[in-house]
Amino acid sequence: MGHSLLFLLVALPVSLAIVVIAANFFLNGAVSVAHSLSLPEFLVGSVIVAVGTSAPEVAINVSAVLGGAGDIVVSNIIGSNIVNIALGTGLAGLILSFDRARKEYSRTLWVGLLGALALLANTVLTANPGGSSHYSGLTALIFLVVFVLFMYNSIKSANADDDDEFDTDVPLLIAVVFIVLGAAAMAFFSRQAVIYAVDLSHIMGIPEAVIGATVVAAGGSLPEVSSCIAAARIRRPNLILGNIAGSQIFNVLGIIGLSGVIRPFHYSTILGVDIAILIGITLLLMLFIQVNKIRRFMGPVLVLSYGIYATYLVAVAT
């Protein structure tokens, strides 16, 4: 707090604009790296873009698990993945049309779905009468090993032959600078945008619970959503699907797994509802990208699904 209303009315849209601009530089850098190194878009989206945009979640979860805040560890990741799929892919679907997903994208989404199902199973099977579930070091290690094996196999089997030609003349070194600075700018100004939005909401008298359930929950995923929109603007649906599918695996298997290896934790069993919602939205995305007849409805339906989820969050929070 402490910011004036005038400052917030200027700083918030400026921060959001910088996030969007940084996303464009980040995506252009990723595309240029793929062109220079003859890497497939799938690999760029599921590794470079997914890891780069998920960096804030790593920092948040490591801090949370060291502080014993297990609910934040799980809710941050699950909420981020729901926003990524529903808003990221949904908004991109309003801008461009997706083709039927190739097998590597479907396989990646399946692994992400299985990771979410495993987390839901852990939530149910380790629940205690006190209303909390336990994420053990052994479970975390299994998640982390599966993540490493999948990423290794993806990198080993990636093939750029089926990708479209890249139209870029950015030198490799400059492209790497675009990626690093773009990711850093997205992370920093996304955080600032959340801070300014929370302050503005306080000034406007919006309840803190509602702010946390909407502004803060969605704000952490601004890098992913902005990257999806930027990829849609340059007509790169493969980057979008790679980013979303890769982020889900990196978040659920990699980040939560790493958090549990650092320190096992307890989290609220009620988060099983959010995990189930993530599973449902993932299945919805998989249906859209496989069935031609309904694909034109993907954007509106996914965006609407986030609206329903946000309404649920507000209802629970209040």
Protein backbone atom coordinates (compact mmCIF):
# COMPACT_ATOMS: atom_id res chain seq x y z
CA MET A 1 0.00 0.00 0.00
CA GLY A 2 1.02 3.70 0.03
CA HIS A 3 0.60 4.30 -3.70
CA SER A 4 -1.73 7.08 -4.81
CA LEU A 5 -4.75 6.37 -7.01
CA LEU A 6 -3.24 8.38 -9.88
CA PHE A 7 0.03 6.45 -9.68
CA LEU A 8 -1.78 3.10 -9.72
CA LEU A 9 -3.98 4.09 -12.67
CA VAL A 10 -0.79 4.79 -14.65
CA ALA A 11 1.54 2.09 -13.25
CA LEU A 12 -0.85 -0.86 -13.66
CA PRO A 13 -1.50 -0.53 -17.42
CA VAL A 14 2.17 0.36 -18.02
CA SER A 15 3.28 -2.82 -16.20
CA LEU A 16 0.81 -4.93 -18.16
CA ALA A 17 1.99 -3.34 -21.41
CA ILE A 18 5.61 -4.12 -20.56
CA VAL A 19 4.67 -7.75 -19.85
CA VAL A 20 3.06 -7.99 -23.30
CA ILE A 21 6.06 -6.33 -25.01
CA ALA A 22 8.49 -8.57 -23.10
CA ALA A 23 6.47 -11.62 -24.17
CA ASN A 24 6.88 -10.62 -27.80
CA PHE A 25 10.66 -10.27 -27.42
CA PHE A 26 10.77 -13.58 -25.53
CA LEU A 27 8.81 -15.42 -28.24
CA ASN A 28 10.81 -13.85 -31.06
CA GLY A 29 13.99 -14.95 -29.31
CA ALA A 30 12.66 -18.49 -28.90
CA VAL A 31 11.65 -18.71 -32.56
CA SER A 32 15.05 -17.37 -33.64
CA VAL A 33 16.88 -19.91 -31.48
CA ALA A 34 14.80 -22.67 -33.04
CA HIS A 35 15.67 -21.38 -36.51
CA SER A 36 19.40 -21.02 -35.77
CA LEU A 37 19.75 -24.45 -34.14
CA SER A 38 17.18 -26.27 -36.34
CA LEU A 39 15.12 -27.12 -33.27
CA PRO A 40 11.44 -28.15 -33.60
CA GLU A 41 8.80 -25.74 -32.33
CA PHE A 42 7.53 -28.46 -30.01
CA LEU A 43 10.85 -28.58 -28.20
CA VAL A 44 11.14 -24.79 -28.05
CA GLY A 45 7.61 -24.42 -26.69
CA SER A 46 7.71 -27.28 -24.20
CA VAL A 47 11.21 -26.57 -22.87
CA ILE A 48 12.50 -23.02 -23.51
CA VAL A 49 9.16 -21.21 -23.35
CA ALA A 50 7.58 -23.43 -20.68
CA VAL A 51 10.58 -23.28 -18.34
CA GLY A 52 11.18 -19.59 -18.95
CA THR A 53 7.60 -18.58 -18.19
CA SER A 54 7.38 -20.91 -15.17
CA ALA A 55 10.43 -19.45 -13.42
CA PRO A 56 8.29 -17.36 -11.01
CA GLU A 57 6.48 -20.51 -9.83
CA VAL A 58 9.83 -22.12 -8.95
CA ALA A 59 10.81 -19.18 -6.75
CA ILE A 60 7.39 -19.00 -5.09
CA ASN A 61 7.22 -22.73 -4.35
CA VAL A 62 10.75 -23.08 -2.98
CA SER A 63 10.09 -20.16 -0.61
CA ALA A 64 6.69 -21.61 0.32
CA VAL A 65 7.94 -25.12 1.11
CA LEU A 66 10.84 -23.78 3.18
CA GLY A 67 8.32 -21.70 5.10
CA GLY A 68 6.03 -24.70 5.66
CA ALA A 69 3.24 -23.26 3.48
CA GLY A 70 2.13 -26.45 1.74
CA ASP A 71 -1.18 -24.96 0.60
CA ILE A 72 0.68 -22.32 -1.39
CA VAL A 73 2.93 -24.97 -2.96
CA VAL A 74 -0.06 -26.84 -4.40
CA SER A 75 -2.56 -24.01 -4.99
CA ASN A 76 0.04 -21.88 -6.81
CA ILE A 77 0.79 -24.66 -9.29
CA ILE A 78 -2.75 -25.90 -9.83
CA GLY A 79 -4.16 -22.38 -10.18
CA SER A 80 -1.37 -21.48 -12.60
CA ASN A 81 -2.06 -24.51 -14.79
CA ILE A 82 -5.80 -23.79 -14.90
CA VAL A 83 -5.11 -20.20 -15.96
CA ASN A 84 -2.56 -21.36 -18.54
CA ILE A 85 -4.98 -23.73 -20.24
CA ALA A 86 -8.23 -21.80 -19.86
CA LEU A 87 -6.97 -18.25 -20.45
CA GLY A 88 -3.69 -18.86 -22.30
CA THR A 89 -4.99 -21.33 -24.87
CA GLY A 90 -8.50 -19.86 -24.75
CA LEU A 91 -7.44 -16.31 -25.62
CA ALA A 92 -5.05 -17.65 -28.28
CA GLY A 93 -7.98 -19.62 -29.70
CA LEU A 94 -9.87 -16.36 -30.18
CA ILE A 95 -7.01 -15.06 -32.34
CA LEU A 96 -6.06 -18.05 -34.53
CA SER A 97 -7.30 -21.51 -35.47
CA PHE A 98 -5.57 -24.63 -34.24
CA ASP A 99 -4.98 -27.71 -36.36
CA ARG A 100 -5.39 -31.25 -35.08
CA ALA A 101 -2.59 -31.78 -32.55
CA ARG A 102 0.35 -33.92 -33.58
CA LYS A 103 1.19 -36.96 -31.49
CA GLU A 104 3.98 -35.28 -29.50
CA TYR A 105 1.58 -32.63 -28.22
CA SER A 106 -1.10 -35.17 -27.37
CA ARG A 107 1.49 -37.33 -25.60
CA THR A 108 2.71 -34.37 -23.56
CA LEU A 109 -0.84 -33.43 -22.54
CA TRP A 110 -1.47 -37.05 -21.52
CA VAL A 111 1.61 -37.04 -19.28
CA GLY A 112 0.48 -33.75 -17.72
CA LEU A 113 -2.99 -35.22 -17.18
CA LEU A 114 -1.54 -38.34 -15.55
CA GLY A 115 0.56 -36.11 -13.28
CA ALA A 116 -2.58 -34.24 -12.17
CA LEU A 117 -4.41 -37.56 -11.62
CA ALA A 118 -1.49 -38.83 -9.52
CA LEU A 119 -1.59 -35.65 -7.41
CA LEU A 120 -5.36 -36.05 -6.94
CA ALA A 121 -4.85 -39.69 -5.92
CA ASN A 122 -2.19 -38.61 -3.41
CA THR A 123 -4.59 -35.99 -2.04
CA VAL A 124 -7.33 -38.56 -1.48
CA LEU A 125 -5.18 -41.47 -0.28
CA THR A 126 -3.14 -39.46 2.26
CA ALA A 127 -6.04 -37.38 3.61
CA ASN A 128 -6.42 -37.37 7.39
CA PRO A 129 -9.41 -36.45 9.61
CA GLY A 130 -7.90 -33.01 10.17
CA GLY A 131 -8.54 -32.09 6.54
CA SER A 132 -4.96 -32.18 5.25
CA SER A 133 -3.05 -34.46 2.89
CA HIS A 134 0.64 -35.36 2.93
CA TYR A 135 3.13 -35.09 0.07
CA SER A 136 6.04 -37.33 1.01
CA GLY A 137 9.66 -37.23 -0.07
CA LEU A 138 9.25 -40.58 -1.87
CA THR A 139 6.23 -39.31 -3.82
CA ALA A 140 8.15 -36.15 -4.70
CA LEU A 141 11.13 -38.17 -5.91
CA ILE A 142 8.89 -40.30 -8.16
CA PHE A 143 7.32 -37.17 -9.64
CA LEU A 144 10.73 -35.62 -10.25
CA VAL A 145 12.18 -38.76 -11.85
CA VAL A 146 9.19 -39.06 -14.20
CA PHE A 147 9.64 -35.40 -15.15
CA VAL A 148 13.35 -35.82 -15.91
CA LEU A 149 12.78 -39.02 -17.92
CA PHE A 150 10.00 -37.44 -19.96
CA MET A 151 11.99 -34.30 -20.75
CA TYR A 152 15.03 -36.39 -21.71
CA ASN A 153 12.91 -38.52 -24.04
CA SER A 154 11.27 -35.42 -25.56
CA ILE A 155 14.61 -33.80 -26.30
CA LYS A 156 16.07 -37.03 -27.67
CA SER A 157 13.14 -37.77 -30.00
CA ALA A 158 12.34 -34.20 -31.13
CA ASN A 159 12.19 -33.74 -34.91
CA ALA A 160 11.96 -30.41 -36.74
CA ASP A 161 11.10 -31.86 -40.15
CA ASP A 162 7.36 -31.22 -39.92
CA ASP A 163 7.60 -27.61 -38.69
CA ASP A 164 6.94 -24.56 -40.83
CA GLU A 165 9.84 -22.47 -42.03
CA PHE A 166 10.89 -19.69 -39.67
CA ASP A 167 10.98 -16.13 -40.92
CA THR A 168 13.66 -14.46 -38.80
CA ASP A 169 17.11 -12.99 -39.19
CA VAL A 170 17.90 -12.33 -35.52
CA PRO A 171 21.43 -13.55 -34.66
CA LEU A 172 21.64 -16.38 -32.14
CA LEU A 173 23.36 -14.30 -29.43
CA ILE A 174 20.74 -11.54 -29.70
CA ALA A 175 17.99 -14.16 -29.63
CA VAL A 176 19.36 -15.57 -26.37
CA VAL A 177 19.44 -12.04 -24.93
CA PHE A 178 15.79 -11.61 -25.99
CA ILE A 179 14.88 -14.83 -24.16
CA VAL A 180 16.73 -13.99 -20.93
CA LEU A 181 15.71 -10.34 -20.70
CA GLY A 182 12.17 -11.09 -21.91
CA ALA A 183 11.67 -13.77 -19.25
CA ALA A 184 13.13 -11.53 -16.53
CA ALA A 185 10.96 -8.57 -17.56
CA MET A 186 7.83 -10.74 -17.68
CA ALA A 187 8.51 -12.12 -14.20
CA PHE A 188 9.30 -8.73 -12.63
CA PHE A 189 6.52 -6.67 -14.19
CA SER A 190 3.94 -9.45 -13.70
CA ARG A 191 4.71 -9.27 -9.99
CA GLN A 192 4.50 -5.47 -10.05
CA ALA A 193 1.18 -5.63 -11.90
CA VAL A 194 -0.21 -7.91 -9.18
CA ILE A 195 1.02 -5.55 -6.45
CA TYR A 196 -0.52 -2.52 -8.17
CA ALA A 197 -3.79 -4.37 -8.84
CA VAL A 198 -4.05 -5.41 -5.19
CA ASP A 199 -3.38 -1.83 -4.01
CA LEU A 200 -5.94 -0.45 -6.46
CA SER A 201 -8.51 -3.02 -5.34
CA HIS A 202 -7.95 -2.02 -1.71
CA ILE A 203 -8.52 1.62 -2.57
CA MET A 204 -11.73 0.67 -4.39
CA GLY A 205 -12.92 -1.33 -1.39
CA ILE A 206 -12.87 -4.79 -3.00
CA PRO A 207 -12.60 -7.56 -0.33
CA GLU A 208 -9.11 -9.04 0.08
CA ALA A 209 -10.42 -12.59 -0.32
CA VAL A 210 -11.82 -11.72 -3.74
CA ILE A 211 -8.52 -10.06 -4.72
CA GLY A 212 -6.56 -13.17 -3.77
CA ALA A 213 -8.90 -15.47 -5.62
CA THR A 214 -8.81 -13.49 -8.87
CA VAL A 215 -6.06 -10.89 -9.30
CA VAL A 216 -3.30 -12.73 -7.44
CA ALA A 217 -4.26 -16.16 -8.79
CA ALA A 218 -4.27 -15.01 -12.42
CA GLY A 219 -1.39 -12.56 -12.04
CA GLY A 220 1.16 -15.28 -11.44
CA SER A 221 0.37 -16.71 -14.87
CA LEU A 222 0.72 -13.46 -16.80
CA PRO A 223 4.01 -14.62 -18.43
CA GLU A 224 2.40 -17.80 -19.80
CA VAL A 225 -0.78 -16.06 -20.95
CA SER A 226 1.18 -13.21 -22.56
CA SER A 227 3.45 -15.71 -24.31
CA CYS A 228 0.44 -17.57 -25.72
CA ILE A 229 -1.06 -14.34 -27.04
CA ALA A 230 2.30 -13.31 -28.53
CA ALA A 231 2.63 -16.73 -30.21
CA ALA A 232 -0.91 -16.43 -31.57
CA ARG A 233 -0.09 -13.04 -33.09
CA ILE A 234 2.81 -14.54 -35.04
CA ARG A 235 0.67 -17.56 -36.00
CA ARG A 236 2.61 -20.20 -34.05
CA PRO A 237 0.04 -22.64 -32.59
CA ASN A 238 2.78 -25.22 -32.00
CA LEU A 239 4.55 -22.85 -29.62
CA ILE A 240 1.28 -22.31 -27.75
CA LEU A 241 0.52 -26.00 -27.30
CA GLY A 242 4.15 -26.76 -26.46
CA ASN A 243 4.18 -23.97 -23.87
CA ILE A 244 0.91 -25.07 -22.22
CA ALA A 245 1.64 -28.81 -22.27
CA GLY A 246 5.26 -28.33 -21.18
CA SER A 247 4.28 -25.93 -18.39
CA GLN A 248 1.78 -28.40 -16.97
CA ILE A 249 4.39 -31.15 -16.77
CA PHE A 250 7.08 -28.78 -15.49
CA ASN A 251 4.73 -27.42 -12.83
CA VAL A 252 3.00 -30.57 -11.57
CA LEU A 253 5.84 -33.07 -11.87
CA GLY A 254 8.92 -30.84 -11.81
CA ILE A 255 8.19 -27.96 -9.44
CA ILE A 256 5.95 -29.78 -6.94
CA GLY A 257 8.35 -32.73 -7.11
CA LEU A 258 11.33 -30.46 -6.40
CA SER A 259 9.42 -28.79 -3.56
CA GLY A 260 8.69 -32.15 -1.92
CA VAL A 261 12.28 -33.33 -2.31
CA ILE A 262 13.46 -30.19 -0.54
CA ARG A 263 10.97 -30.74 2.26
CA PRO A 264 7.87 -32.99 2.48
CA PHE A 265 4.76 -30.97 3.25
CA HIS A 266 1.08 -31.07 4.18
CA TYR A 267 -1.62 -29.29 2.20
CA SER A 268 -5.38 -28.82 2.51
CA THR A 269 -7.40 -31.76 1.18
CA ILE A 270 -9.98 -29.30 -0.21
CA LEU A 271 -7.42 -28.46 -2.92
CA GLY A 272 -8.47 -31.78 -4.44
CA VAL A 273 -11.42 -29.83 -5.90
CA ASP A 274 -9.02 -27.50 -7.76
CA ILE A 275 -6.98 -30.48 -8.97
CA ALA A 276 -10.16 -32.12 -10.28
CA ILE A 277 -11.05 -28.88 -12.10
CA LEU A 278 -7.57 -28.86 -13.68
CA ILE A 279 -8.13 -32.45 -14.84
CA GLY A 280 -11.50 -31.49 -16.34
CA ILE A 281 -10.11 -28.48 -18.21
CA THR A 282 -7.17 -30.54 -19.49
CA LEU A 283 -9.59 -33.15 -20.86
CA LEU A 284 -11.58 -30.34 -22.46
CA LEU A 285 -8.46 -29.02 -24.22
CA MET A 286 -7.51 -32.52 -25.39
CA LEU A 287 -11.01 -32.99 -26.82
CA PHE A 288 -10.86 -29.70 -28.73
CA ILE A 289 -7.46 -30.31 -30.29
CA GLN A 290 -8.44 -33.79 -31.49
CA VAL A 291 -11.98 -33.22 -32.84
CA ASN A 292 -12.21 -30.97 -35.89
CA LYS A 293 -15.96 -30.29 -35.74
CA ILE A 294 -15.88 -28.56 -32.36
CA ARG A 295 -12.45 -26.89 -32.51
CA ARG A 296 -13.85 -23.50 -33.53
CA PHE A 297 -15.54 -23.30 -30.13
CA MET A 298 -12.29 -23.90 -28.23
CA GLY A 299 -11.42 -20.27 -27.48
CA PRO A 300 -14.80 -19.12 -26.13
CA VAL A 301 -15.44 -22.32 -24.14
CA LEU A 302 -12.00 -22.31 -22.46
CA VAL A 303 -12.26 -18.62 -21.55
CA LEU A 304 -15.75 -19.25 -20.18
CA SER A 305 -14.41 -22.17 -18.15
CA TYR A 306 -11.96 -19.83 -16.45
CA GLY A 307 -14.81 -17.42 -15.70
CA ILE A 308 -16.66 -20.26 -13.99
CA TYR A 309 -13.52 -21.24 -12.04
CA ALA A 310 -12.91 -17.65 -10.95
CA THR A 311 -16.52 -17.43 -9.77
CA TYR A 312 -15.96 -20.60 -7.73
CA LEU A 313 -12.83 -19.12 -6.18
CA VAL A 314 -14.63 -15.93 -5.22
CA ALA A 315 -17.52 -17.94 -3.72
CA VAL A 316 -15.11 -20.04 -1.64
CA ALA A 317 -13.10 -17.00 -0.59
CA THR A 318 -16.13 -15.06 0.60
